[in-house]
């Protein structure tokens, strides 16, 4: 369910996949961050409530550990964590697309955009 940015990082930083992958606490924290960000953007009028609901539900799946297998990246990246942030965005957006009733690989249906 991860996308192109995650795949790029996964292929270009093949260091310690078994030992240095992000663990449950970090993945859970990413889900909490994205859930709160979606809610904040709703309160600010920056995202429509139907999209917020989908993002919140998808982020909750991350928080609950249902999508842990979609976070393959290791700690060793370019330094800023951009790939990990994109991994979370891709997984949550694609899961939200599924929750909306579409297939996540159908690019025509990807009107759900993360704002973080």
PDB file of N, CA and C in Angstrom:
ATOM      1  N   UNK A   1       0.818  -1.191   0.000  1.00  0.00           N
ATOM      2  CA  UNK A   1       0.000   0.000   0.000  1.00  0.00           C
ATOM      3  C   UNK A   1       0.869   1.266   0.000  1.00  0.00           C
ATOM      4  N   UNK A   2       2.173   1.098   0.299  1.00  0.00           N
ATOM      5  CA  UNK A   2       3.029   2.277   0.215  1.00  0.00           C
ATOM      6  C   UNK A   2       3.202   2.675  -1.233  1.00  0.00           C
ATOM      7  N   UNK A   3       3.662   3.895  -1.464  1.00  0.00           N
ATOM      8  CA  UNK A   3       3.757   4.428  -2.813  1.00  0.00           C
ATOM      9  C   UNK A   3       5.180   4.584  -3.307  1.00  0.00           C
ATOM     10  N   UNK A   4       5.327   5.401  -4.333  1.00  0.00           N
ATOM     11  CA  UNK A   4       6.597   5.554  -5.050  1.00  0.00           C
ATOM     12  C   UNK A   4       7.717   6.104  -4.172  1.00  0.00           C
ATOM     13  N   UNK A   5       7.438   7.092  -3.343  1.00  0.00           N
ATOM     14  CA  UNK A   5       8.490   7.675  -2.499  1.00  0.00           C
ATOM     15  C   UNK A   5       9.030   6.654  -1.500  1.00  0.00           C
ATOM     16  N   UNK A   6       8.137   5.875  -0.935  1.00  0.00           N
ATOM     17  CA  UNK A   6       8.557   4.834   0.001  1.00  0.00           C
ATOM     18  C   UNK A   6       9.373   3.780  -0.717  1.00  0.00           C
ATOM     19  N   UNK A   7       8.912   3.376  -1.876  1.00  0.00           N
ATOM     20  CA  UNK A   7       9.639   2.354  -2.638  1.00  0.00           C
ATOM     21  C   UNK A   7      11.036   2.846  -3.008  1.00  0.00           C
ATOM     22  N   UNK A   8      11.138   4.102  -3.396  1.00  0.00           N
ATOM     23  CA  UNK A   8      12.446   4.670  -3.736  1.00  0.00           C
ATOM     24  C   UNK A   8      13.387   4.579  -2.544  1.00  0.00           C
ATOM     25  N   UNK A   9      12.943   4.981  -1.393  1.00  0.00           N
ATOM     26  CA  UNK A   9      13.767   4.933  -0.191  1.00  0.00           C
ATOM     27  C   UNK A   9      14.106   3.490   0.178  1.00  0.00           C
ATOM     28  N   UNK A  10      13.128   2.628   0.075  1.00  0.00           N
ATOM     29  CA  UNK A  10      13.327   1.208   0.410  1.00  0.00           C
ATOM     30  C   UNK A  10      14.428   0.605  -0.456  1.00  0.00           C
ATOM     31  N   UNK A  11      14.440   0.953  -1.715  1.00  0.00           N
ATOM     32  CA  UNK A  11      15.461   0.418  -2.636  1.00  0.00           C
ATOM     33  C   UNK A  11      16.826   1.080  -2.463  1.00  0.00           C
ATOM     34  N   UNK A  12      16.844   2.360  -2.116  1.00  0.00           N
ATOM     35  CA  UNK A  12      18.099   3.095  -2.074  1.00  0.00           C
ATOM     36  C   UNK A  12      18.787   3.113  -0.714  1.00  0.00           C
ATOM     37  N   UNK A  13      18.131   2.625   0.310  1.00  0.00           N
ATOM     38  CA  UNK A  13      18.743   2.544   1.639  1.00  0.00           C
ATOM     39  C   UNK A  13      18.579   1.129   2.190  1.00  0.00           C
ATOM     40  N   UNK A  14      19.221   0.147   1.518  1.00  0.00           N
ATOM     41  CA  UNK A  14      19.064  -1.253   1.926  1.00  0.00           C
ATOM     42  C   UNK A  14      19.992  -1.621   3.090  1.00  0.00           C
ATOM     43  N   UNK A  15      19.850  -0.897   4.180  1.00  0.00           N
ATOM     44  CA  UNK A  15      20.734  -1.097   5.322  1.00  0.00           C
ATOM     45  C   UNK A  15      19.918  -1.584   6.505  1.00  0.00           C
ATOM     46  N   UNK A  16      20.212  -2.750   7.007  1.00  0.00           N
ATOM     47  CA  UNK A  16      19.617  -3.225   8.249  1.00  0.00           C
ATOM     48  C   UNK A  16      18.115  -3.381   8.262  1.00  0.00           C
ATOM     49  N   UNK A  17      17.522  -3.941   7.194  1.00  0.00           N
ATOM     50  CA  UNK A  17      16.066  -4.103   7.143  1.00  0.00           C
ATOM     51  C   UNK A  17      15.517  -4.834   8.367  1.00  0.00           C
ATOM     52  N   UNK A  18      16.203  -5.869   8.782  1.00  0.00           N
ATOM     53  CA  UNK A  18      15.692  -6.668   9.897  1.00  0.00           C
ATOM     54  C   UNK A  18      15.924  -6.022  11.256  1.00  0.00           C
ATOM     55  N   UNK A  19      16.972  -5.245  11.359  1.00  0.00           N
ATOM     56  CA  UNK A  19      17.357  -4.709  12.668  1.00  0.00           C
ATOM     57  C   UNK A  19      16.948  -3.263  12.902  1.00  0.00           C
ATOM     58  N   UNK A  20      16.909  -2.459  11.853  1.00  0.00           N
ATOM     59  CA  UNK A  20      16.739  -1.027  12.039  1.00  0.00           C
ATOM     60  C   UNK A  20      15.450  -0.444  11.444  1.00  0.00           C
ATOM     61  N   UNK A  21      14.449  -1.278  11.262  1.00  0.00           N
ATOM     62  CA  UNK A  21      13.162  -0.761  10.791  1.00  0.00           C
ATOM     63  C   UNK A  21      12.490   0.004  11.923  1.00  0.00           C
ATOM     64  N   UNK A  22      11.657   0.959  11.536  1.00  0.00           N
ATOM     65  CA  UNK A  22      10.903   1.697  12.544  1.00  0.00           C
ATOM     66  C   UNK A  22      10.002   0.727  13.280  1.00  0.00           C
ATOM     67  N   UNK A  23       9.945   0.865  14.581  1.00  0.00           N
ATOM     68  CA  UNK A  23       9.138  -0.021  15.409  1.00  0.00           C
ATOM     69  C   UNK A  23       7.731   0.496  15.623  1.00  0.00           C
ATOM     70  N   UNK A  24       6.958  -0.290  16.321  1.00  0.00           N
ATOM     71  CA  UNK A  24       5.549   0.015  16.604  1.00  0.00           C
ATOM     72  C   UNK A  24       5.354   1.389  17.228  1.00  0.00           C
ATOM     73  N   UNK A  25       6.180   1.824  18.209  1.00  0.00           N
ATOM     74  CA  UNK A  25       5.948   3.150  18.803  1.00  0.00           C
ATOM     75  C   UNK A  25       6.064   4.297  17.791  1.00  0.00           C
ATOM     76  N   UNK A  26       7.006   4.221  16.877  1.00  0.00           N
ATOM     77  CA  UNK A  26       7.176   5.291  15.883  1.00  0.00           C
ATOM     78  C   UNK A  26       6.039   5.257  14.875  1.00  0.00           C
ATOM     79  N   UNK A  27       5.680   4.079  14.418  1.00  0.00           N
ATOM     80  CA  UNK A  27       4.579   3.961  13.454  1.00  0.00           C
ATOM     81  C   UNK A  27       3.282   4.448  14.091  1.00  0.00           C
ATOM     82  N   UNK A  28       3.036   4.073  15.325  1.00  0.00           N
ATOM     83  CA  UNK A  28       1.842   4.533  16.042  1.00  0.00           C
ATOM     84  C   UNK A  28       1.843   6.056  16.163  1.00  0.00           C
ATOM     85  N   UNK A  29       3.002   6.620  16.501  1.00  0.00           N
ATOM     86  CA  UNK A  29       3.108   8.075  16.636  1.00  0.00           C
ATOM     87  C   UNK A  29       2.805   8.782  15.317  1.00  0.00           C
ATOM     88  N   UNK A  30       3.250   8.208  14.207  1.00  0.00           N
ATOM     89  CA  UNK A  30       2.941   8.795  12.901  1.00  0.00           C
ATOM     90  C   UNK A  30       1.437   8.800  12.658  1.00  0.00           C
ATOM     91  N   UNK A  31       0.775   7.726  13.026  1.00  0.00           N
ATOM     92  CA  UNK A  31      -0.681   7.672  12.877  1.00  0.00           C
ATOM     93  C   UNK A  31      -1.378   8.727  13.722  1.00  0.00           C
ATOM     94  N   UNK A  32      -0.917   8.895  14.951  1.00  0.00           N
ATOM     95  CA  UNK A  32      -1.500   9.916  15.835  1.00  0.00           C
ATOM     96  C   UNK A  32      -1.278  11.300  15.252  1.00  0.00           C
ATOM     97  N   UNK A  33      -0.073  11.564  14.781  1.00  0.00           N
ATOM     98  CA  UNK A  33       0.254  12.866  14.196  1.00  0.00           C
ATOM     99  C   UNK A  33      -0.640  13.175  13.003  1.00  0.00           C
ATOM    100  N   UNK A  34      -0.797  12.224  12.104  1.00  0.00           N
ATOM    101  CA  UNK A  34      -1.603  12.449  10.902  1.00  0.00           C
ATOM    102  C   UNK A  34      -3.091  12.585  11.236  1.00  0.00           C
ATOM    103  N   UNK A  35      -3.560  11.832  12.215  1.00  0.00           N
ATOM    104  CA  UNK A  35      -4.952  11.939  12.647  1.00  0.00           C
ATOM    105  C   UNK A  35      -5.221  13.329  13.224  1.00  0.00           C
ATOM    106  N   UNK A  36      -4.333  13.778  14.086  1.00  0.00           N
ATOM    107  CA  UNK A  36      -4.501  15.102  14.693  1.00  0.00           C
ATOM    108  C   UNK A  36      -4.384  16.218  13.659  1.00  0.00           C
ATOM    109  N   UNK A  37      -3.487  16.043  12.705  1.00  0.00           N
ATOM    110  CA  UNK A  37      -3.317  17.041  11.659  1.00  0.00           C
ATOM    111  C   UNK A  37      -4.573  17.153  10.806  1.00  0.00           C
ATOM    112  N   UNK A  38      -5.163  16.025  10.479  1.00  0.00           N
ATOM    113  CA  UNK A  38      -6.407  16.054   9.693  1.00  0.00           C
ATOM    114  C   UNK A  38      -7.512  16.776  10.462  1.00  0.00           C
ATOM    115  N   UNK A  39      -7.630  16.479  11.737  1.00  0.00           N
ATOM    116  CA  UNK A  39      -8.659  17.138  12.551  1.00  0.00           C
ATOM    117  C   UNK A  39      -8.406  18.635  12.666  1.00  0.00           C
ATOM    118  N   UNK A  40      -7.146  19.019  12.846  1.00  0.00           N
ATOM    119  CA  UNK A  40      -6.814  20.452  12.938  1.00  0.00           C
ATOM    120  C   UNK A  40      -7.150  21.166  11.638  1.00  0.00           C
ATOM    121  N   UNK A  41      -6.827  20.532  10.516  1.00  0.00           N
ATOM    122  CA  UNK A  41      -7.144  21.139   9.223  1.00  0.00           C
ATOM    123  C   UNK A  41      -8.644  21.236   8.998  1.00  0.00           C
ATOM    124  N   UNK A  42      -9.393  20.314   9.547  1.00  0.00           N
ATOM    125  CA  UNK A  42     -10.856  20.399   9.461  1.00  0.00           C
ATOM    126  C   UNK A  42     -11.354  21.599  10.261  1.00  0.00           C
ATOM    127  N   UNK A  43     -10.833  21.755  11.463  1.00  0.00           N
ATOM    128  CA  UNK A  43     -11.246  22.880  12.301  1.00  0.00           C
ATOM    129  C   UNK A  43     -10.896  24.221  11.663  1.00  0.00           C
ATOM    130  N   UNK A  44      -9.821  24.247  10.905  1.00  0.00           N
ATOM    131  CA  UNK A  44      -9.409  25.477  10.224  1.00  0.00           C
ATOM    132  C   UNK A  44     -10.138  25.677   8.896  1.00  0.00           C
ATOM    133  N   UNK A  45     -10.959  24.719   8.526  1.00  0.00           N
ATOM    134  CA  UNK A  45     -11.700  24.820   7.271  1.00  0.00           C
ATOM    135  C   UNK A  45     -10.851  24.517   6.048  1.00  0.00           C
ATOM    136  N   UNK A  46      -9.744  23.831   6.238  1.00  0.00           N
ATOM    137  CA  UNK A  46      -8.836  23.548   5.133  1.00  0.00           C
ATOM    138  C   UNK A  46      -9.107  22.208   4.451  1.00  0.00           C
ATOM    139  N   UNK A  47      -9.864  21.345   5.105  1.00  0.00           N
ATOM    140  CA  UNK A  47     -10.216  20.050   4.523  1.00  0.00           C
ATOM    141  C   UNK A  47     -11.700  19.797   4.742  1.00  0.00           C
ATOM    142  N   UNK A  48     -12.382  19.280   3.736  1.00  0.00           N
ATOM    143  CA  UNK A  48     -13.795  18.943   3.913  1.00  0.00           C
ATOM    144  C   UNK A  48     -13.954  17.760   4.885  1.00  0.00           C
ATOM    145  N   UNK A  49     -15.023  17.762   5.611  1.00  0.00           N
ATOM    146  CA  UNK A  49     -15.230  16.763   6.657  1.00  0.00           C
ATOM    147  C   UNK A  49     -15.289  15.332   6.135  1.00  0.00           C
ATOM    148  N   UNK A  50     -15.776  15.122   4.920  1.00  0.00           N
ATOM    149  CA  UNK A  50     -15.815  13.758   4.397  1.00  0.00           C
ATOM    150  C   UNK A  50     -14.410  13.202   4.201  1.00  0.00           C
ATOM    151  N   UNK A  51     -13.483  14.029   3.735  1.00  0.00           N
ATOM    152  CA  UNK A  51     -12.097  13.584   3.574  1.00  0.00           C
ATOM    153  C   UNK A  51     -11.424  13.416   4.932  1.00  0.00           C
ATOM    154  N   UNK A  52     -11.736  14.316   5.843  1.00  0.00           N
ATOM    155  CA  UNK A  52     -11.163  14.208   7.186  1.00  0.00           C
ATOM    156  C   UNK A  52     -11.574  12.892   7.822  1.00  0.00           C
ATOM    157  N   UNK A  53     -12.843  12.526   7.684  1.00  0.00           N
ATOM    158  CA  UNK A  53     -13.322  11.270   8.249  1.00  0.00           C
ATOM    159  C   UNK A  53     -12.535  10.090   7.688  1.00  0.00           C
ATOM    160  N   UNK A  54     -12.299  10.086   6.395  1.00  0.00           N
ATOM    161  CA  UNK A  54     -11.551   8.991   5.778  1.00  0.00           C
ATOM    162  C   UNK A  54     -10.105   8.962   6.265  1.00  0.00           C
ATOM    163  N   UNK A  55      -9.480  10.117   6.340  1.00  0.00           N
ATOM    164  CA  UNK A  55      -8.093  10.191   6.802  1.00  0.00           C
ATOM    165  C   UNK A  55      -7.997   9.755   8.262  1.00  0.00           C
ATOM    166  N   UNK A  56      -8.928  10.202   9.083  1.00  0.00           N
ATOM    167  CA  UNK A  56      -8.927   9.823  10.502  1.00  0.00           C
ATOM    168  C   UNK A  56      -9.096   8.314  10.654  1.00  0.00           C
ATOM    169  N   UNK A  57      -9.991   7.733   9.891  1.00  0.00           N
ATOM    170  CA  UNK A  57     -10.192   6.276   9.952  1.00  0.00           C
ATOM    171  C   UNK A  57      -8.944   5.525   9.496  1.00  0.00           C
ATOM    172  N   UNK A  58      -8.312   6.010   8.434  1.00  0.00           N
ATOM    173  CA  UNK A  58      -7.087   5.370   7.941  1.00  0.00           C
ATOM    174  C   UNK A  58      -5.954   5.524   8.953  1.00  0.00           C
ATOM    175  N   UNK A  59      -5.826   6.705   9.521  1.00  0.00           N
ATOM    176  CA  UNK A  59      -4.795   6.937  10.544  1.00  0.00           C
ATOM    177  C   UNK A  59      -5.037   6.052  11.759  1.00  0.00           C
ATOM    178  N   UNK A  60      -6.294   5.829  12.097  1.00  0.00           N
ATOM    179  CA  UNK A  60      -6.601   4.945  13.228  1.00  0.00           C
ATOM    180  C   UNK A  60      -6.133   3.526  12.942  1.00  0.00           C
ATOM    181  N   UNK A  61      -6.241   3.086  11.695  1.00  0.00           N
ATOM    182  CA  UNK A  61      -5.717   1.766  11.330  1.00  0.00           C
ATOM    183  C   UNK A  61      -4.208   1.704  11.577  1.00  0.00           C
ATOM    184  N   UNK A  62      -3.506   2.795  11.286  1.00  0.00           N
ATOM    185  CA  UNK A  62      -2.058   2.857  11.564  1.00  0.00           C
ATOM    186  C   UNK A  62      -1.832   2.809  13.070  1.00  0.00           C
ATOM    187  N   UNK A  63      -2.569   3.598  13.811  1.00  0.00           N
ATOM    188  CA  UNK A  63      -2.440   3.635  15.273  1.00  0.00           C
ATOM    189  C   UNK A  63      -2.679   2.247  15.868  1.00  0.00           C
ATOM    190  N   UNK A  64      -3.660   1.544  15.345  1.00  0.00           N
ATOM    191  CA  UNK A  64      -4.032   0.228  15.860  1.00  0.00           C
ATOM    192  C   UNK A  64      -3.094  -0.894  15.412  1.00  0.00           C
ATOM    193  N   UNK A  65      -2.131  -0.581  14.554  1.00  0.00           N
ATOM    194  CA  UNK A  65      -1.165  -1.583  14.112  1.00  0.00           C
ATOM    195  C   UNK A  65      -1.619  -2.444  12.955  1.00  0.00           C
ATOM    196  N   UNK A  66      -2.719  -2.101  12.335  1.00  0.00           N
ATOM    197  CA  UNK A  66      -3.254  -2.908  11.236  1.00  0.00           C
ATOM    198  C   UNK A  66      -2.441  -2.788   9.953  1.00  0.00           C
ATOM    199  N   UNK A  67      -1.617  -1.746   9.857  1.00  0.00           N
ATOM    200  CA  UNK A  67      -0.868  -1.505   8.615  1.00  0.00           C
ATOM    201  C   UNK A  67       0.645  -1.493   8.839  1.00  0.00           C
ATOM    202  N   UNK A  68       1.099  -2.089   9.911  1.00  0.00           N
ATOM    203  CA  UNK A  68       2.532  -2.068  10.223  1.00  0.00           C
ATOM    204  C   UNK A  68       3.404  -2.600   9.089  1.00  0.00           C
ATOM    205  N   UNK A  69       2.903  -3.584   8.370  1.00  0.00           N
ATOM    206  CA  UNK A  69       3.658  -4.158   7.254  1.00  0.00           C
ATOM    207  C   UNK A  69       3.881  -3.192   6.103  1.00  0.00           C
ATOM    208  N   UNK A  70       3.196  -2.067   6.117  1.00  0.00           N
ATOM    209  CA  UNK A  70       3.324  -1.060   5.062  1.00  0.00           C
ATOM    210  C   UNK A  70       4.384  -0.003   5.395  1.00  0.00           C
ATOM    211  N   UNK A  71       5.122  -0.230   6.458  1.00  0.00           N
ATOM    212  CA  UNK A  71       6.174   0.701   6.870  1.00  0.00           C
ATOM    213  C   UNK A  71       7.517  -0.028   6.849  1.00  0.00           C
ATOM    214  N   UNK A  72       8.112  -0.160   5.648  1.00  0.00           N
ATOM    215  CA  UNK A  72       9.320  -0.973   5.498  1.00  0.00           C
ATOM    216  C   UNK A  72      10.635  -0.217   5.698  1.00  0.00           C
ATOM    217  N   UNK A  73      10.571   1.069   5.950  1.00  0.00           N
ATOM    218  CA  UNK A  73      11.794   1.862   5.940  1.00  0.00           C
ATOM    219  C   UNK A  73      12.631   1.678   7.196  1.00  0.00           C
ATOM    220  N   UNK A  74      13.898   1.931   7.025  1.00  0.00           N
ATOM    221  CA  UNK A  74      14.858   1.841   8.127  1.00  0.00           C
ATOM    222  C   UNK A  74      15.219   3.249   8.598  1.00  0.00           C
ATOM    223  N   UNK A  75      15.879   3.300   9.717  1.00  0.00           N
ATOM    224  CA  UNK A  75      16.263   4.589  10.295  1.00  0.00           C
ATOM    225  C   UNK A  75      17.267   5.343   9.436  1.00  0.00           C
ATOM    226  N   UNK A  76      18.056   4.616   8.661  1.00  0.00           N
ATOM    227  CA  UNK A  76      19.104   5.243   7.862  1.00  0.00           C
ATOM    228  C   UNK A  76      18.527   5.776   6.552  1.00  0.00           C
ATOM    229  N   UNK A  77      18.374   7.097   6.483  1.00  0.00           N
ATOM    230  CA  UNK A  77      17.831   7.741   5.304  1.00  0.00           C
ATOM    231  C   UNK A  77      18.711   8.947   4.987  1.00  0.00           C
ATOM    232  N   UNK A  78      18.119   9.971   4.441  1.00  0.00           N
ATOM    233  CA  UNK A  78      18.900  11.156   4.099  1.00  0.00           C
ATOM    234  C   UNK A  78      19.066  12.113   5.261  1.00  0.00           C
ATOM    235  N   UNK A  79      18.441  11.822   6.395  1.00  0.00           N
ATOM    236  CA  UNK A  79      18.670  12.629   7.582  1.00  0.00           C
ATOM    237  C   UNK A  79      17.478  13.408   8.092  1.00  0.00           C
ATOM    238  N   UNK A  80      16.578  13.808   7.211  1.00  0.00           N
ATOM    239  CA  UNK A  80      15.475  14.657   7.651  1.00  0.00           C
ATOM    240  C   UNK A  80      14.203  13.877   7.957  1.00  0.00           C
ATOM    241  N   UNK A  81      14.148  12.636   7.591  1.00  0.00           N
ATOM    242  CA  UNK A  81      12.944  11.843   7.823  1.00  0.00           C
ATOM    243  C   UNK A  81      11.858  12.032   6.780  1.00  0.00           C
ATOM    244  N   UNK A  82      12.185  12.708   5.688  1.00  0.00           N
ATOM    245  CA  UNK A  82      11.184  12.966   4.652  1.00  0.00           C
ATOM    246  C   UNK A  82      10.576  11.676   4.123  1.00  0.00           C
ATOM    247  N   UNK A  83      11.397  10.666   3.911  1.00  0.00           N
ATOM    248  CA  UNK A  83      10.865   9.411   3.365  1.00  0.00           C
ATOM    249  C   UNK A  83       9.889   8.752   4.330  1.00  0.00           C
ATOM    250  N   UNK A  84      10.181   8.817   5.616  1.00  0.00           N
ATOM    251  CA  UNK A  84       9.270   8.231   6.602  1.00  0.00           C
ATOM    252  C   UNK A  84       7.955   8.990   6.630  1.00  0.00           C
ATOM    253  N   UNK A  85       8.022  10.315   6.548  1.00  0.00           N
ATOM    254  CA  UNK A  85       6.809  11.127   6.499  1.00  0.00           C
ATOM    255  C   UNK A  85       5.992  10.793   5.250  1.00  0.00           C
ATOM    256  N   UNK A  86       6.660  10.667   4.116  1.00  0.00           N
ATOM    257  CA  UNK A  86       5.960  10.317   2.882  1.00  0.00           C
ATOM    258  C   UNK A  86       5.379   8.919   2.961  1.00  0.00           C
ATOM    259  N   UNK A  87       6.093   7.992   3.597  1.00  0.00           N
ATOM    260  CA  UNK A  87       5.575   6.637   3.780  1.00  0.00           C
ATOM    261  C   UNK A  87       4.238   6.698   4.516  1.00  0.00           C
ATOM    262  N   UNK A  88       4.194   7.461   5.594  1.00  0.00           N
ATOM    263  CA  UNK A  88       2.936   7.606   6.345  1.00  0.00           C
ATOM    264  C   UNK A  88       1.856   8.252   5.480  1.00  0.00           C
ATOM    265  N   UNK A  89       2.208   9.299   4.759  1.00  0.00           N
ATOM    266  CA  UNK A  89       1.228   9.967   3.886  1.00  0.00           C
ATOM    267  C   UNK A  89       0.677   9.011   2.837  1.00  0.00           C
ATOM    268  N   UNK A  90       1.568   8.263   2.192  1.00  0.00           N
ATOM    269  CA  UNK A  90       1.138   7.351   1.139  1.00  0.00           C
ATOM    270  C   UNK A  90       0.219   6.262   1.690  1.00  0.00           C
ATOM    271  N   UNK A  91       0.611   5.657   2.786  1.00  0.00           N
ATOM    272  CA  UNK A  91      -0.177   4.572   3.359  1.00  0.00           C
ATOM    273  C   UNK A  91      -1.548   5.077   3.812  1.00  0.00           C
ATOM    274  N   UNK A  92      -1.563   6.211   4.512  1.00  0.00           N
ATOM    275  CA  UNK A  92      -2.832   6.731   5.014  1.00  0.00           C
ATOM    276  C   UNK A  92      -3.726   7.191   3.864  1.00  0.00           C
ATOM    277  N   UNK A  93      -3.162   7.866   2.875  1.00  0.00           N
ATOM    278  CA  UNK A  93      -3.959   8.300   1.721  1.00  0.00           C
ATOM    279  C   UNK A  93      -4.510   7.104   0.958  1.00  0.00           C
ATOM    280  N   UNK A  94      -3.673   6.100   0.725  1.00  0.00           N
ATOM    281  CA  UNK A  94      -4.135   4.932  -0.015  1.00  0.00           C
ATOM    282  C   UNK A  94      -5.164   4.127   0.768  1.00  0.00           C
ATOM    283  N   UNK A  95      -4.999   4.043   2.081  1.00  0.00           N
ATOM    284  CA  UNK A  95      -6.006   3.358   2.904  1.00  0.00           C
ATOM    285  C   UNK A  95      -7.314   4.157   2.898  1.00  0.00           C
ATOM    286  N   UNK A  96      -7.220   5.472   2.947  1.00  0.00           N
ATOM    287  CA  UNK A  96      -8.422   6.315   2.894  1.00  0.00           C
ATOM    288  C   UNK A  96      -9.155   6.120   1.569  1.00  0.00           C
ATOM    289  N   UNK A  97      -8.415   5.983   0.497  1.00  0.00           N
ATOM    290  CA  UNK A  97      -9.024   5.721  -0.812  1.00  0.00           C
ATOM    291  C   UNK A  97      -9.780   4.396  -0.780  1.00  0.00           C
ATOM    292  N   UNK A  98      -9.176   3.379  -0.168  1.00  0.00           N
ATOM    293  CA  UNK A  98      -9.879   2.098  -0.017  1.00  0.00           C
ATOM    294  C   UNK A  98     -11.153   2.268   0.792  1.00  0.00           C
ATOM    295  N   UNK A  99     -11.065   2.992   1.897  1.00  0.00           N
ATOM    296  CA  UNK A  99     -12.229   3.200   2.748  1.00  0.00           C
ATOM    297  C   UNK A  99     -13.340   3.949   2.013  1.00  0.00           C
ATOM    298  N   UNK A 100     -12.943   4.751   1.019  1.00  0.00           N
ATOM    299  CA  UNK A 100     -13.925   5.480   0.212  1.00  0.00           C
ATOM    300  C   UNK A 100     -14.571   4.585  -0.846  1.00  0.00           C
ATOM    301  N   UNK A 101     -14.083   3.354  -0.950  1.00  0.00           N
ATOM    302  CA  UNK A 101     -14.682   2.399  -1.881  1.00  0.00           C
ATOM    303  C   UNK A 101     -13.961   2.242  -3.193  1.00  0.00           C
ATOM    304  N   UNK A 102     -12.781   2.834  -3.322  1.00  0.00           N
ATOM    305  CA  UNK A 102     -12.013   2.725  -4.562  1.00  0.00           C
ATOM    306  C   UNK A 102     -10.779   1.860  -4.334  1.00  0.00           C
ATOM    307  N   UNK A 103     -10.141   1.510  -5.399  1.00  0.00           N
ATOM    308  CA  UNK A 103      -8.879   0.785  -5.308  1.00  0.00           C
ATOM    309  C   UNK A 103      -7.755   1.798  -5.173  1.00  0.00           C
ATOM    310  N   UNK A 104      -6.846   1.596  -4.261  1.00  0.00           N
ATOM    311  CA  UNK A 104      -5.827   2.606  -3.999  1.00  0.00           C
ATOM    312  C   UNK A 104      -4.894   2.833  -5.174  1.00  0.00           C
ATOM    313  N   UNK A 105      -4.739   1.870  -6.056  1.00  0.00           N
ATOM    314  CA  UNK A 105      -3.841   2.061  -7.204  1.00  0.00           C
ATOM    315  C   UNK A 105      -4.527   2.774  -8.363  1.00  0.00           C
ATOM    316  N   UNK A 106      -5.819   3.051  -8.244  1.00  0.00           N
ATOM    317  CA  UNK A 106      -6.559   3.768  -9.270  1.00  0.00           C
ATOM    318  C   UNK A 106      -6.316   5.269  -9.099  1.00  0.00           C
ATOM    319  N   UNK A 107      -5.381   5.811  -9.835  1.00  0.00           N
ATOM    320  CA  UNK A 107      -4.972   7.204  -9.673  1.00  0.00           C
ATOM    321  C   UNK A 107      -6.107   8.193  -9.948  1.00  0.00           C
ATOM    322  N   UNK A 108      -7.121   7.777 -10.679  1.00  0.00           N
ATOM    323  CA  UNK A 108      -8.258   8.657 -10.938  1.00  0.00           C
ATOM    324  C   UNK A 108      -9.043   8.942  -9.658  1.00  0.00           C
ATOM    325  N   UNK A 109      -8.963   8.025  -8.701  1.00  0.00           N
ATOM    326  CA  UNK A 109      -9.744   8.175  -7.472  1.00  0.00           C
ATOM    327  C   UNK A 109      -8.985   8.915  -6.380  1.00  0.00           C
ATOM    328  N   UNK A 110      -7.767   9.295  -6.645  1.00  0.00           N
ATOM    329  CA  UNK A 110      -6.941   9.871  -5.583  1.00  0.00           C
ATOM    330  C   UNK A 110      -7.149  11.373  -5.420  1.00  0.00           C
ATOM    331  N   UNK A 111      -8.337  11.702  -4.991  1.00  0.00           N
ATOM    332  CA  UNK A 111      -8.605  13.108  -4.698  1.00  0.00           C
ATOM    333  C   UNK A 111      -8.368  13.425  -3.233  1.00  0.00           C
ATOM    334  N   UNK A 112      -8.011  12.408  -2.441  1.00  0.00           N
ATOM    335  CA  UNK A 112      -7.689  12.612  -1.040  1.00  0.00           C
ATOM    336  C   UNK A 112      -6.222  13.009  -0.966  1.00  0.00           C
ATOM    337  N   UNK A 113      -5.951  14.198  -0.473  1.00  0.00           N
ATOM    338  CA  UNK A 113      -4.577  14.653  -0.406  1.00  0.00           C
ATOM    339  C   UNK A 113      -4.239  15.000   1.024  1.00  0.00           C
ATOM    340  N   UNK A 114      -3.056  14.592   1.439  1.00  0.00           N
ATOM    341  CA  UNK A 114      -2.583  14.950   2.765  1.00  0.00           C
ATOM    342  C   UNK A 114      -2.085  16.392   2.725  1.00  0.00           C
ATOM    343  N   UNK A 115      -2.241  17.089   3.791  1.00  0.00           N
ATOM    344  CA  UNK A 115      -1.833  18.499   3.824  1.00  0.00           C
ATOM    345  C   UNK A 115      -0.627  18.727   4.731  1.00  0.00           C
ATOM    346  N   UNK A 116       0.032  17.653   5.112  1.00  0.00           N
ATOM    347  CA  UNK A 116       1.188  17.797   5.989  1.00  0.00           C
ATOM    348  C   UNK A 116       2.466  17.554   5.239  1.00  0.00           C
TER     349      UNK A 116
END
